[in-house]
Amino acid sequence: LRGGYTQLYYDVNEYGMVYFLLSFFLLFHFIECFAYWIHRFWHLKFVYARFHKMHHRYQPPTPFSALAFHPVEWFVYVVGGQ
């Protein structure tokens, strides 16, 4: 990890406390925006019928139905950073 290909660092002072705290906010914002817009994408007619419908067939919604994904949908969320 040290000197490798990641942006991982061990000393907060290397970039400063402002960068350290801001990075949490930016990452949270990115993940939430990605989740919102990709979920909107899954509701397009063509995509919904083929991939996302499985997610909504469980009524009433439960914590377990939130994890009901088509494999393609799961792949997009995992690769996208969810």
N, C-alpha and C. Protein backbone atom coordinates (compact mmCIF):
# COMPACT_ATOMS: atom_id res chain seq x y z
N LEU A 1 0.81 -1.19 0.00
CA LEU A 1 0.00 0.00 0.00
C LEU A 1 0.85 1.26 0.00
N ARG A 2 1.90 1.23 0.75
CA ARG A 2 2.79 2.40 0.75
C ARG A 2 3.57 2.42 -0.56
N GLY A 3 3.44 3.50 -1.29
CA GLY A 3 4.14 3.60 -2.57
C GLY A 3 3.48 2.80 -3.66
N GLY A 4 2.26 2.30 -3.41
CA GLY A 4 1.56 1.49 -4.41
C GLY A 4 0.67 2.34 -5.30
N TYR A 5 -0.37 1.72 -5.79
CA TYR A 5 -1.24 2.38 -6.75
C TYR A 5 -2.50 2.98 -6.14
N THR A 6 -2.64 2.95 -4.83
CA THR A 6 -3.82 3.51 -4.19
C THR A 6 -3.54 4.91 -3.68
N GLN A 7 -4.60 5.59 -3.25
CA GLN A 7 -4.47 6.90 -2.66
C GLN A 7 -4.49 6.80 -1.13
N LEU A 8 -4.30 5.60 -0.61
CA LEU A 8 -4.31 5.38 0.82
C LEU A 8 -3.09 6.02 1.47
N TYR A 9 -3.33 6.75 2.54
CA TYR A 9 -2.22 7.34 3.28
C TYR A 9 -2.46 7.12 4.77
N TYR A 10 -1.38 7.12 5.53
CA TYR A 10 -1.46 6.77 6.94
C TYR A 10 -1.34 7.97 7.87
N ASP A 11 -0.92 9.09 7.37
CA ASP A 11 -0.71 10.28 8.18
C ASP A 11 -1.69 11.36 7.73
N VAL A 12 -2.65 11.71 8.60
CA VAL A 12 -3.64 12.72 8.25
C VAL A 12 -2.97 14.04 7.90
N ASN A 13 -1.87 14.34 8.53
CA ASN A 13 -1.16 15.60 8.27
C ASN A 13 -0.54 15.66 6.88
N GLU A 14 -0.45 14.53 6.21
CA GLU A 14 0.11 14.51 4.87
C GLU A 14 -0.72 15.40 3.91
N TYR A 15 -2.05 15.37 4.05
CA TYR A 15 -2.94 16.19 3.23
C TYR A 15 -3.68 17.24 4.04
N GLY A 16 -3.67 17.12 5.34
CA GLY A 16 -4.33 18.09 6.20
C GLY A 16 -5.70 17.61 6.68
N MET A 17 -6.12 18.13 7.79
CA MET A 17 -7.38 17.72 8.40
C MET A 17 -8.58 18.15 7.56
N VAL A 18 -8.50 19.29 6.90
CA VAL A 18 -9.62 19.76 6.07
C VAL A 18 -9.87 18.76 4.94
N TYR A 19 -8.82 18.34 4.26
CA TYR A 19 -8.97 17.35 3.18
C TYR A 19 -9.51 16.03 3.73
N PHE A 20 -9.02 15.62 4.87
CA PHE A 20 -9.47 14.37 5.49
C PHE A 20 -10.97 14.40 5.76
N LEU A 21 -11.46 15.48 6.37
CA LEU A 21 -12.89 15.59 6.69
C LEU A 21 -13.73 15.81 5.43
N LEU A 22 -13.23 16.61 4.52
CA LEU A 22 -13.94 16.87 3.28
C LEU A 22 -14.09 15.60 2.44
N SER A 23 -13.11 14.73 2.48
CA SER A 23 -13.18 13.50 1.69
C SER A 23 -14.34 12.61 2.13
N PHE A 24 -14.68 12.61 3.43
CA PHE A 24 -15.83 11.84 3.89
C PHE A 24 -17.12 12.42 3.31
N PHE A 25 -17.25 13.73 3.35
CA PHE A 25 -18.43 14.39 2.80
C PHE A 25 -18.55 14.12 1.30
N LEU A 26 -17.47 14.25 0.57
CA LEU A 26 -17.51 14.06 -0.88
C LEU A 26 -17.84 12.62 -1.25
N LEU A 27 -17.27 11.67 -0.53
CA LEU A 27 -17.56 10.27 -0.81
C LEU A 27 -19.02 9.96 -0.51
N PHE A 28 -19.53 10.43 0.62
CA PHE A 28 -20.94 10.22 0.96
C PHE A 28 -21.84 10.83 -0.12
N HIS A 29 -21.52 12.04 -0.54
CA HIS A 29 -22.31 12.73 -1.56
C HIS A 29 -22.28 11.96 -2.89
N PHE A 30 -21.13 11.48 -3.29
CA PHE A 30 -21.01 10.70 -4.52
C PHE A 30 -21.86 9.44 -4.46
N ILE A 31 -21.78 8.70 -3.37
CA ILE A 31 -22.52 7.45 -3.24
C ILE A 31 -24.02 7.70 -3.25
N GLU A 32 -24.48 8.72 -2.54
CA GLU A 32 -25.91 9.02 -2.51
C GLU A 32 -26.41 9.48 -3.89
N CYS A 33 -25.66 10.31 -4.57
CA CYS A 33 -26.05 10.75 -5.92
C CYS A 33 -26.07 9.58 -6.89
N PHE A 34 -25.07 8.74 -6.81
CA PHE A 34 -25.02 7.56 -7.69
C PHE A 34 -26.24 6.67 -7.44
N ALA A 35 -26.54 6.41 -6.18
CA ALA A 35 -27.68 5.54 -5.84
C ALA A 35 -28.99 6.14 -6.35
N TYR A 36 -29.15 7.44 -6.18
CA TYR A 36 -30.38 8.09 -6.64
C TYR A 36 -30.53 8.00 -8.15
N TRP A 37 -29.50 8.40 -8.88
CA TRP A 37 -29.62 8.45 -10.34
C TRP A 37 -29.66 7.08 -10.97
N ILE A 38 -28.96 6.12 -10.41
CA ILE A 38 -29.02 4.77 -10.99
C ILE A 38 -30.38 4.15 -10.71
N HIS A 39 -30.97 4.46 -9.55
CA HIS A 39 -32.31 3.95 -9.27
C HIS A 39 -33.33 4.58 -10.22
N ARG A 40 -33.15 5.84 -10.55
CA ARG A 40 -34.02 6.47 -11.55
C ARG A 40 -33.84 5.77 -12.91
N PHE A 41 -32.62 5.41 -13.26
CA PHE A 41 -32.35 4.69 -14.50
C PHE A 41 -33.10 3.36 -14.53
N TRP A 42 -33.11 2.63 -13.41
CA TRP A 42 -33.78 1.33 -13.36
C TRP A 42 -35.29 1.46 -13.61
N HIS A 43 -35.86 2.64 -13.46
CA HIS A 43 -37.28 2.83 -13.66
C HIS A 43 -37.65 3.24 -15.08
N LEU A 44 -36.70 3.31 -15.99
CA LEU A 44 -37.03 3.49 -17.40
C LEU A 44 -37.77 2.24 -17.87
N LYS A 45 -38.78 2.40 -18.72
CA LYS A 45 -39.66 1.27 -19.08
C LYS A 45 -38.90 0.03 -19.53
N PHE A 46 -37.98 0.21 -20.46
CA PHE A 46 -37.24 -0.93 -20.99
C PHE A 46 -36.42 -1.62 -19.90
N VAL A 47 -35.74 -0.85 -19.11
CA VAL A 47 -34.85 -1.39 -18.08
C VAL A 47 -35.65 -1.98 -16.92
N TYR A 48 -36.72 -1.30 -16.53
CA TYR A 48 -37.55 -1.76 -15.41
C TYR A 48 -38.08 -3.17 -15.66
N ALA A 49 -38.66 -3.36 -16.83
CA ALA A 49 -39.29 -4.64 -17.14
C ALA A 49 -38.29 -5.80 -17.16
N ARG A 50 -37.07 -5.53 -17.56
CA ARG A 50 -36.10 -6.62 -17.71
C ARG A 50 -35.22 -6.85 -16.49
N PHE A 51 -34.99 -5.81 -15.69
CA PHE A 51 -34.03 -5.95 -14.60
C PHE A 51 -34.55 -5.55 -13.22
N HIS A 52 -35.33 -4.49 -13.13
CA HIS A 52 -35.64 -3.90 -11.83
C HIS A 52 -36.96 -4.37 -11.22
N LYS A 53 -37.82 -4.98 -12.03
CA LYS A 53 -39.14 -5.37 -11.57
C LYS A 53 -39.07 -6.32 -10.37
N MET A 54 -38.08 -7.18 -10.35
CA MET A 54 -37.90 -8.13 -9.25
C MET A 54 -37.80 -7.40 -7.91
N HIS A 55 -37.16 -6.27 -7.92
CA HIS A 55 -36.94 -5.49 -6.70
C HIS A 55 -38.27 -5.00 -6.11
N HIS A 56 -39.26 -4.74 -6.96
CA HIS A 56 -40.53 -4.16 -6.50
C HIS A 56 -41.64 -5.18 -6.34
N ARG A 57 -41.40 -6.44 -6.60
CA ARG A 57 -42.49 -7.41 -6.51
C ARG A 57 -42.80 -7.82 -5.07
N TYR A 58 -41.93 -7.50 -4.13
CA TYR A 58 -42.16 -7.85 -2.73
C TYR A 58 -42.99 -6.77 -2.06
N GLN A 59 -44.20 -7.13 -1.61
CA GLN A 59 -45.09 -6.18 -0.94
C GLN A 59 -45.57 -6.80 0.35
N PRO A 60 -45.57 -6.10 1.42
CA PRO A 60 -45.03 -4.76 1.60
C PRO A 60 -43.50 -4.79 1.58
N PRO A 61 -42.87 -3.66 1.31
CA PRO A 61 -41.40 -3.62 1.31
C PRO A 61 -40.84 -3.99 2.69
N THR A 62 -39.77 -4.72 2.68
CA THR A 62 -39.11 -5.12 3.91
C THR A 62 -37.62 -4.83 3.77
N PRO A 63 -36.87 -4.89 4.84
CA PRO A 63 -35.41 -4.73 4.72
C PRO A 63 -34.81 -5.78 3.79
N PHE A 64 -35.41 -6.96 3.74
CA PHE A 64 -34.88 -8.02 2.87
C PHE A 64 -35.18 -7.74 1.40
N SER A 65 -36.33 -7.13 1.11
CA SER A 65 -36.65 -6.84 -0.28
C SER A 65 -35.74 -5.75 -0.85
N ALA A 66 -35.15 -4.95 0.02
CA ALA A 66 -34.19 -3.94 -0.45
C ALA A 66 -32.97 -4.60 -1.06
N LEU A 67 -32.73 -5.86 -0.73
CA LEU A 67 -31.57 -6.58 -1.27
C LEU A 67 -31.94 -7.50 -2.41
N ALA A 68 -33.16 -7.43 -2.89
CA ALA A 68 -33.61 -8.27 -4.00
C ALA A 68 -33.21 -7.60 -5.31
N PHE A 69 -32.14 -8.07 -5.92
CA PHE A 69 -31.62 -7.48 -7.14
C PHE A 69 -31.53 -8.52 -8.24
N HIS A 70 -31.73 -8.08 -9.46
CA HIS A 70 -31.37 -8.88 -10.63
C HIS A 70 -29.83 -8.88 -10.67
N PRO A 71 -29.20 -9.94 -11.15
CA PRO A 71 -27.73 -9.96 -11.18
C PRO A 71 -27.10 -8.78 -11.93
N VAL A 72 -27.72 -8.31 -13.00
CA VAL A 72 -27.18 -7.16 -13.73
C VAL A 72 -27.26 -5.90 -12.86
N GLU A 73 -28.37 -5.74 -12.17
CA GLU A 73 -28.54 -4.59 -11.29
C GLU A 73 -27.52 -4.64 -10.15
N TRP A 74 -27.33 -5.80 -9.58
CA TRP A 74 -26.35 -5.97 -8.51
C TRP A 74 -24.95 -5.60 -9.01
N PHE A 75 -24.60 -6.06 -10.20
CA PHE A 75 -23.28 -5.77 -10.76
C PHE A 75 -23.07 -4.26 -10.92
N VAL A 76 -24.08 -3.56 -11.43
CA VAL A 76 -23.96 -2.11 -11.62
C VAL A 76 -23.76 -1.40 -10.29
N TYR A 77 -24.50 -1.81 -9.26
CA TYR A 77 -24.34 -1.18 -7.96
C TYR A 77 -22.96 -1.47 -7.36
N VAL A 78 -22.49 -2.69 -7.49
CA VAL A 78 -21.19 -3.04 -6.91
C VAL A 78 -20.05 -2.33 -7.63
N VAL A 79 -20.07 -2.33 -8.94
CA VAL A 79 -19.02 -1.68 -9.72
C VAL A 79 -19.07 -0.17 -9.53
N GLY A 80 -20.27 0.37 -9.37
CA GLY A 80 -20.44 1.81 -9.21
C GLY A 80 -20.06 2.36 -7.86
N GLY A 81 -19.85 1.53 -6.90
CA GLY A 81 -19.40 2.02 -5.60
C GLY A 81 -20.42 1.97 -4.49
N GLN A 82 -21.51 1.29 -4.70
CA GLN A 82 -22.51 1.18 -3.65
C GLN A 82 -22.03 0.34 -2.53
